[in-house]
Protein backbone atom coordinates (compact mmCIF):
# COMPACT_ATOMS: atom_id res chain seq x y z
CA MET A 1 115.05 70.40 137.64
CA ASN A 2 117.03 73.32 136.54
CA GLY A 3 116.56 71.32 132.95
CA ILE A 4 112.74 72.02 133.33
CA ILE A 5 113.02 75.71 134.07
CA ALA A 6 114.97 76.23 131.49
CA SER A 7 113.13 74.61 128.59
CA SER A 8 109.87 76.09 129.77
CA SER A 9 112.19 79.64 129.56
CA VAL A 10 113.17 78.81 126.30
CA THR A 11 109.57 77.96 125.05
CA SER A 12 108.34 81.03 126.54
CA TRP A 13 110.65 83.49 124.71
CA GLY A 14 109.81 81.12 121.59
CA SER A 15 106.19 81.64 121.99
CA MET A 16 106.89 85.48 122.12
CA ILE A 17 109.01 85.81 119.21
CA LEU A 18 106.53 84.27 117.33
CA ILE A 19 103.40 86.37 118.45
CA TYR A 20 105.73 89.64 118.06
CA ALA A 21 106.18 88.31 114.44
CA VAL A 22 102.39 87.71 113.77
CA LEU A 23 101.78 91.17 115.22
CA ILE A 24 104.05 92.96 113.13
CA GLY A 25 102.80 90.98 109.87
CA ALA A 26 99.23 91.89 110.84
CA MET A 27 100.53 95.49 111.33
CA TRP A 28 101.86 95.56 107.75
CA PHE A 29 98.97 93.86 106.25
CA PHE A 30 96.11 96.36 107.78
CA LEU A 31 98.36 99.63 107.34
CA MET A 32 101.12 99.67 104.99
CA ARG A 33 99.40 97.24 101.96
CA PRO A 34 96.40 99.80 101.90
CA GLN A 35 98.75 102.89 101.78
CA LYS A 36 100.69 101.03 99.03
CA LYS A 37 97.51 100.19 97.12
CA GLU A 38 96.64 104.00 97.33
CA GLN A 39 99.55 105.25 96.11
CA LYS A 40 99.85 102.66 93.28
CA ARG A 41 96.73 104.29 92.08
CA ILE A 42 97.28 107.79 92.42
CA THR A 43 100.27 107.34 90.31
CA ALA A 44 98.33 105.60 87.76
CA MET A 45 95.58 108.10 87.75
CA LEU A 46 98.38 111.11 87.39
CA SER A 47 99.76 109.32 84.44
CA THR A 48 96.55 109.04 82.55
CA MET A 49 96.27 113.01 82.88
CA GLU A 50 95.51 114.59 79.89
CA VAL A 51 94.81 118.49 78.76
CA GLY A 52 91.04 119.15 78.88
CA ASP A 53 90.75 116.87 82.02
CA THR A 54 88.84 118.10 84.81
CA ALA A 55 90.70 118.22 88.51
CA LEU A 56 89.86 117.96 91.63
CA THR A 57 92.46 119.60 93.83
CA THR A 58 93.68 118.73 97.34
CA SER A 59 91.85 122.02 98.09
CA GLY A 60 88.31 121.14 97.16
CA PHE A 61 88.69 123.44 93.78
CA TYR A 62 87.65 121.96 90.58
CA GLY A 63 89.50 123.40 87.18
CA VAL A 64 90.46 122.33 83.80
CA ILE A 65 94.03 121.09 82.81
CA ILE A 66 95.51 123.62 80.00
CA ASP A 67 98.92 122.09 80.49
CA ILE A 68 101.20 119.30 81.69
CA THR A 69 105.00 119.66 82.53
CA GLU A 70 106.89 116.91 83.98
CA GLU A 71 105.87 117.96 87.80
CA ASP A 72 103.71 120.64 87.59
CA VAL A 73 100.29 121.11 85.72
CA ILE A 74 98.24 124.64 85.00
CA VAL A 75 94.73 124.71 85.99
CA GLU A 76 92.50 126.88 84.52
CA PHE A 77 89.85 127.99 87.40
CA GLY A 78 86.21 129.41 86.91
CA ASN A 79 84.41 130.99 83.49
CA ASN A 80 86.43 134.16 82.88
CA LYS A 81 89.86 132.35 81.45
CA ASN A 82 91.89 134.41 83.49
CA CYS A 83 92.57 132.08 86.61
CA ARG A 84 95.29 130.10 85.52
CA ILE A 85 97.57 128.63 88.25
CA PRO A 86 100.50 126.41 88.26
CA MET A 87 100.64 123.56 90.59
CA GLN A 88 102.33 120.48 91.59
CA LYS A 89 101.02 117.32 90.39
CA SER A 90 100.60 115.96 93.93
CA ALA A 91 98.36 118.79 94.56
CA ILE A 92 95.40 116.67 92.72
CA ALA A 93 93.26 114.50 94.13
CA GLN A 94 90.92 113.24 91.33
CA ILE A 95 90.46 113.61 87.62
CA GLU A 96 87.61 113.35 85.49
CA LYS A 97 87.59 112.62 82.08
CA PRO A 98 85.49 115.06 79.49
CA ASN A 99 83.83 112.27 77.92
CA ALA A 100 83.07 110.05 80.74
CA GLU A 101 79.63 110.11 81.95
């Protein structure tokens, strides 16, 4: 009788571990994978950024990129050419090429 109880207990633990493994795999697939895909898209966008492109910042301002360094960009806002703000590349949410339609 003890052998039957022990084997069902082992089967119960094995199925519980399998269920947890499936749940962790599903969480990775639905949470981590899209986040990594988005990070790759942002990295690709920032690597193709050029002087003269229009940038949309994370705060919602549109401006033209006038200088690019390793970690920062200088963005010019408005028509009067007096508002030039240095900012980190991570503050740019979207890039629009001037010749794109």
